[in-house]
């Protein structure tokens, strides 16, 4: 049984943000702006290119191979709300850790 959370919906929004929905029902806004300083993400400054984002390989991706994994997206979305939820999966066991 695959317990890995996957991005199933990615809707580009204004101001370098993406509306996200995961397979486990986590939803929120992922802010890409903090990552745009890196050379690998320079193309994302182009709004028309930014809007080509799609769910891919469990996370999100753009046509020229820029991508984010679901773990990074979920971590960042939850950090935005002032709390962190870490999830560790072991066969048949789900351990939750929550903190401020």
N, C-alpha and C. Protein backbone atom coordinates (compact mmCIF):
# COMPACT_ATOMS: atom_id res chain seq x y z
N UNK A 1 0.84 -1.18 0.00
CA UNK A 1 0.00 0.00 0.00
C UNK A 1 0.89 1.25 0.00
N UNK A 2 0.63 2.16 -0.94
CA UNK A 2 1.40 3.40 -1.04
C UNK A 2 0.78 4.46 -0.14
N UNK A 3 1.52 4.90 0.87
CA UNK A 3 1.00 5.91 1.80
C UNK A 3 1.59 7.29 1.55
N UNK A 4 2.29 7.45 0.45
CA UNK A 4 2.91 8.73 0.12
C UNK A 4 1.85 9.71 -0.36
N UNK A 5 1.84 10.90 0.23
CA UNK A 5 0.92 11.94 -0.20
C UNK A 5 1.39 12.49 -1.54
N UNK A 6 0.45 12.71 -2.45
CA UNK A 6 0.76 13.22 -3.78
C UNK A 6 -0.07 14.46 -4.07
N UNK A 7 0.51 15.38 -4.82
CA UNK A 7 -0.25 16.54 -5.28
C UNK A 7 -1.16 16.08 -6.41
N UNK A 8 -2.46 16.35 -6.28
CA UNK A 8 -3.40 15.95 -7.33
C UNK A 8 -4.01 17.16 -8.04
N UNK A 9 -3.80 18.35 -7.48
CA UNK A 9 -4.31 19.57 -8.11
C UNK A 9 -3.32 20.70 -7.84
N UNK A 10 -2.98 21.43 -8.89
CA UNK A 10 -2.08 22.58 -8.78
C UNK A 10 -2.62 23.69 -9.67
N UNK A 11 -3.13 24.74 -9.07
CA UNK A 11 -3.72 25.86 -9.81
C UNK A 11 -2.86 27.10 -9.59
N UNK A 12 -2.24 27.61 -10.66
CA UNK A 12 -1.41 28.80 -10.49
C UNK A 12 -2.25 30.02 -10.12
N UNK A 13 -1.74 30.81 -9.19
CA UNK A 13 -2.39 32.03 -8.75
C UNK A 13 -1.45 33.21 -8.99
N UNK A 14 -1.91 34.40 -8.70
CA UNK A 14 -1.05 35.58 -8.81
C UNK A 14 0.02 35.56 -7.72
N UNK A 15 1.03 36.40 -7.91
CA UNK A 15 2.07 36.63 -6.90
C UNK A 15 2.87 35.37 -6.56
N UNK A 16 3.18 34.56 -7.57
CA UNK A 16 4.05 33.38 -7.42
C UNK A 16 3.52 32.35 -6.43
N UNK A 17 2.21 32.18 -6.41
CA UNK A 17 1.59 31.22 -5.50
C UNK A 17 0.82 30.18 -6.30
N UNK A 18 0.64 29.01 -5.69
CA UNK A 18 -0.07 27.91 -6.33
C UNK A 18 -1.04 27.30 -5.33
N UNK A 19 -2.29 27.14 -5.75
CA UNK A 19 -3.28 26.45 -4.92
C UNK A 19 -3.05 24.95 -5.07
N UNK A 20 -2.92 24.26 -3.95
CA UNK A 20 -2.54 22.85 -3.93
C UNK A 20 -3.62 22.01 -3.25
N UNK A 21 -3.85 20.82 -3.78
CA UNK A 21 -4.66 19.79 -3.12
C UNK A 21 -3.89 18.49 -3.22
N UNK A 22 -3.78 17.77 -2.09
CA UNK A 22 -3.06 16.50 -2.08
C UNK A 22 -4.02 15.33 -1.99
N UNK A 23 -3.50 14.15 -2.24
CA UNK A 23 -4.31 12.93 -2.22
C UNK A 23 -4.89 12.62 -0.85
N UNK A 24 -4.30 13.17 0.22
CA UNK A 24 -4.83 12.94 1.56
C UNK A 24 -5.82 14.02 1.99
N UNK A 25 -6.06 15.00 1.10
CA UNK A 25 -7.01 16.05 1.40
C UNK A 25 -6.40 17.33 1.95
N UNK A 26 -5.08 17.39 2.10
CA UNK A 26 -4.43 18.62 2.53
C UNK A 26 -4.55 19.63 1.40
N UNK A 27 -4.99 20.83 1.72
CA UNK A 27 -5.09 21.87 0.71
C UNK A 27 -4.53 23.17 1.28
N UNK A 28 -4.06 24.01 0.40
CA UNK A 28 -3.51 25.28 0.84
C UNK A 28 -2.85 26.00 -0.31
N UNK A 29 -2.16 27.07 0.03
CA UNK A 29 -1.46 27.89 -0.95
C UNK A 29 0.04 27.71 -0.74
N UNK A 30 0.72 27.29 -1.80
CA UNK A 30 2.18 27.13 -1.78
C UNK A 30 2.79 28.38 -2.40
N UNK A 31 3.61 29.08 -1.63
CA UNK A 31 4.29 30.29 -2.09
C UNK A 31 5.66 29.92 -2.64
N UNK A 32 5.83 30.10 -3.93
CA UNK A 32 7.08 29.73 -4.60
C UNK A 32 8.13 30.83 -4.47
N UNK A 33 7.71 32.03 -4.16
CA UNK A 33 8.61 33.20 -4.14
C UNK A 33 9.92 32.98 -3.38
N UNK A 34 9.93 32.35 -2.19
CA UNK A 34 11.20 32.17 -1.49
C UNK A 34 12.24 31.35 -2.26
N UNK A 35 11.81 30.60 -3.26
CA UNK A 35 12.72 29.74 -4.02
C UNK A 35 13.20 30.39 -5.32
N UNK A 36 12.66 31.53 -5.68
CA UNK A 36 12.93 32.10 -7.00
C UNK A 36 14.32 32.71 -7.14
N UNK A 37 15.07 32.82 -6.06
CA UNK A 37 16.42 33.36 -6.14
C UNK A 37 17.42 32.39 -6.75
N UNK A 38 17.11 31.11 -6.72
CA UNK A 38 18.02 30.11 -7.27
C UNK A 38 18.02 30.10 -8.78
N UNK A 39 19.16 29.83 -9.38
CA UNK A 39 19.27 29.88 -10.84
C UNK A 39 18.37 28.85 -11.53
N UNK A 40 18.10 27.73 -10.89
CA UNK A 40 17.25 26.71 -11.51
C UNK A 40 15.82 27.18 -11.71
N UNK A 41 15.40 28.19 -10.94
CA UNK A 41 14.01 28.63 -10.98
C UNK A 41 13.82 29.98 -11.68
N UNK A 42 14.83 30.48 -12.37
CA UNK A 42 14.74 31.80 -12.99
C UNK A 42 13.58 31.90 -13.99
N UNK A 43 13.31 30.83 -14.73
CA UNK A 43 12.21 30.87 -15.71
C UNK A 43 10.85 31.11 -15.05
N UNK A 44 10.72 30.78 -13.78
CA UNK A 44 9.44 30.93 -13.11
C UNK A 44 9.06 32.40 -12.89
N UNK A 45 10.01 33.31 -13.11
CA UNK A 45 9.70 34.74 -13.04
C UNK A 45 8.77 35.16 -14.19
N UNK A 46 8.79 34.41 -15.28
CA UNK A 46 7.91 34.68 -16.43
C UNK A 46 6.51 34.15 -16.08
N UNK A 47 5.54 35.06 -15.94
CA UNK A 47 4.21 34.66 -15.48
C UNK A 47 3.55 33.63 -16.39
N UNK A 48 3.70 33.77 -17.70
CA UNK A 48 3.06 32.80 -18.59
C UNK A 48 3.70 31.41 -18.43
N UNK A 49 4.99 31.36 -18.21
CA UNK A 49 5.64 30.07 -17.96
C UNK A 49 5.25 29.52 -16.59
N UNK A 50 5.20 30.39 -15.58
CA UNK A 50 4.81 29.97 -14.23
C UNK A 50 3.45 29.27 -14.27
N UNK A 51 2.54 29.76 -15.09
CA UNK A 51 1.18 29.22 -15.17
C UNK A 51 1.10 27.86 -15.86
N UNK A 52 2.22 27.34 -16.34
CA UNK A 52 2.22 26.00 -16.96
C UNK A 52 2.44 24.89 -15.94
N UNK A 53 2.48 25.22 -14.65
CA UNK A 53 2.70 24.23 -13.59
C UNK A 53 1.62 23.15 -13.65
N UNK A 54 2.00 21.93 -13.28
CA UNK A 54 1.06 20.81 -13.26
C UNK A 54 1.51 19.80 -12.21
N UNK A 55 0.58 18.99 -11.70
CA UNK A 55 0.98 17.88 -10.83
C UNK A 55 1.84 16.90 -11.63
N UNK A 56 2.92 16.43 -11.04
CA UNK A 56 3.80 15.48 -11.73
C UNK A 56 4.66 14.75 -10.71
N UNK A 57 4.82 13.47 -10.88
CA UNK A 57 5.70 12.65 -10.04
C UNK A 57 5.42 12.82 -8.54
N UNK A 58 4.17 13.05 -8.19
CA UNK A 58 3.80 13.21 -6.79
C UNK A 58 3.86 14.64 -6.29
N UNK A 59 4.58 15.50 -6.98
CA UNK A 59 4.70 16.91 -6.61
C UNK A 59 4.15 17.79 -7.71
N UNK A 60 4.86 18.88 -8.00
CA UNK A 60 4.49 19.76 -9.11
C UNK A 60 5.72 19.98 -9.99
N UNK A 61 5.47 20.29 -11.27
CA UNK A 61 6.58 20.49 -12.20
C UNK A 61 6.18 21.44 -13.31
N UNK A 62 7.21 21.98 -13.97
CA UNK A 62 7.05 22.82 -15.14
C UNK A 62 7.72 22.13 -16.31
N UNK A 63 7.45 22.57 -17.54
CA UNK A 63 7.96 21.86 -18.72
C UNK A 63 9.48 21.71 -18.81
N UNK A 64 10.25 22.65 -18.25
CA UNK A 64 11.71 22.56 -18.35
C UNK A 64 12.34 21.96 -17.10
N UNK A 65 11.59 21.11 -16.43
CA UNK A 65 12.06 20.25 -15.33
C UNK A 65 12.26 20.93 -13.99
N UNK A 66 11.79 22.15 -13.80
CA UNK A 66 11.78 22.71 -12.45
C UNK A 66 10.68 21.97 -11.70
N UNK A 67 10.95 21.60 -10.45
CA UNK A 67 9.92 20.85 -9.72
C UNK A 67 10.07 21.01 -8.21
N UNK A 68 9.00 20.65 -7.51
CA UNK A 68 8.97 20.60 -6.05
C UNK A 68 8.29 19.30 -5.66
N UNK A 69 8.84 18.63 -4.66
CA UNK A 69 8.22 17.40 -4.17
C UNK A 69 7.07 17.74 -3.22
N UNK A 70 6.18 16.79 -3.02
CA UNK A 70 5.02 17.00 -2.14
C UNK A 70 5.46 17.34 -0.71
N UNK A 71 6.53 16.72 -0.22
CA UNK A 71 6.99 16.99 1.15
C UNK A 71 7.33 18.46 1.35
N UNK A 72 8.06 19.04 0.41
CA UNK A 72 8.43 20.46 0.50
C UNK A 72 7.19 21.34 0.46
N UNK A 73 6.28 21.03 -0.43
CA UNK A 73 5.06 21.82 -0.58
C UNK A 73 4.23 21.78 0.70
N UNK A 74 3.99 20.58 1.23
CA UNK A 74 3.18 20.43 2.43
C UNK A 74 3.85 21.12 3.62
N UNK A 75 5.15 20.91 3.77
CA UNK A 75 5.90 21.54 4.87
C UNK A 75 5.74 23.06 4.81
N UNK A 76 5.94 23.64 3.63
CA UNK A 76 5.85 25.09 3.49
C UNK A 76 4.43 25.60 3.73
N UNK A 77 3.43 24.91 3.23
CA UNK A 77 2.05 25.35 3.43
C UNK A 77 1.70 25.35 4.91
N UNK A 78 2.12 24.33 5.62
CA UNK A 78 1.80 24.24 7.04
C UNK A 78 2.61 25.22 7.88
N UNK A 79 3.83 25.48 7.48
CA UNK A 79 4.66 26.47 8.19
C UNK A 79 4.04 27.86 8.08
N UNK A 80 3.40 28.16 6.96
CA UNK A 80 2.73 29.44 6.76
C UNK A 80 1.69 29.72 7.83
N UNK A 81 1.07 28.67 8.36
CA UNK A 81 0.02 28.84 9.35
C UNK A 81 0.55 28.77 10.78
N UNK A 82 1.89 28.76 10.97
CA UNK A 82 2.49 28.83 12.28
C UNK A 82 2.64 27.51 13.00
N UNK A 83 2.42 26.40 12.32
CA UNK A 83 2.62 25.09 12.94
C UNK A 83 3.18 24.14 11.91
N UNK A 84 3.84 23.14 12.40
CA UNK A 84 4.48 22.15 11.54
C UNK A 84 3.93 20.79 11.88
N UNK A 85 3.65 20.02 10.87
CA UNK A 85 3.24 18.63 11.08
C UNK A 85 4.21 17.76 10.29
N UNK A 86 4.91 16.91 10.99
CA UNK A 86 5.80 15.98 10.32
C UNK A 86 5.15 14.61 10.36
N UNK A 87 5.23 13.91 9.28
CA UNK A 87 4.61 12.59 9.20
C UNK A 87 5.68 11.59 8.80
N UNK A 88 5.86 10.57 9.61
CA UNK A 88 6.77 9.49 9.27
C UNK A 88 5.93 8.24 9.02
N UNK A 89 6.20 7.57 7.94
CA UNK A 89 5.45 6.36 7.62
C UNK A 89 6.34 5.14 7.82
N UNK A 90 5.81 4.18 8.50
CA UNK A 90 6.43 2.86 8.61
C UNK A 90 5.34 1.88 8.25
N UNK A 91 5.67 0.70 7.80
CA UNK A 91 4.63 -0.24 7.41
C UNK A 91 3.55 -0.38 8.49
N UNK A 92 2.36 0.04 8.15
CA UNK A 92 1.22 -0.09 9.06
C UNK A 92 1.15 0.91 10.19
N UNK A 93 2.13 1.83 10.29
CA UNK A 93 2.16 2.77 11.41
C UNK A 93 2.32 4.19 10.86
N UNK A 94 1.54 5.09 11.38
CA UNK A 94 1.67 6.49 11.01
C UNK A 94 1.93 7.27 12.29
N UNK A 95 3.05 7.98 12.36
CA UNK A 95 3.44 8.72 13.55
C UNK A 95 3.37 10.21 13.22
N UNK A 96 2.64 10.95 14.03
CA UNK A 96 2.49 12.39 13.81
C UNK A 96 3.28 13.15 14.86
N UNK A 97 3.97 14.17 14.45
CA UNK A 97 4.66 15.06 15.38
C UNK A 97 4.21 16.47 15.07
N UNK A 98 3.70 17.17 16.06
CA UNK A 98 3.26 18.54 15.83
C UNK A 98 3.96 19.46 16.81
N UNK A 99 4.35 20.60 16.34
CA UNK A 99 5.02 21.56 17.21
C UNK A 99 4.90 22.96 16.66
N UNK A 100 5.28 23.91 17.48
CA UNK A 100 5.25 25.31 17.05
C UNK A 100 6.63 25.77 16.69
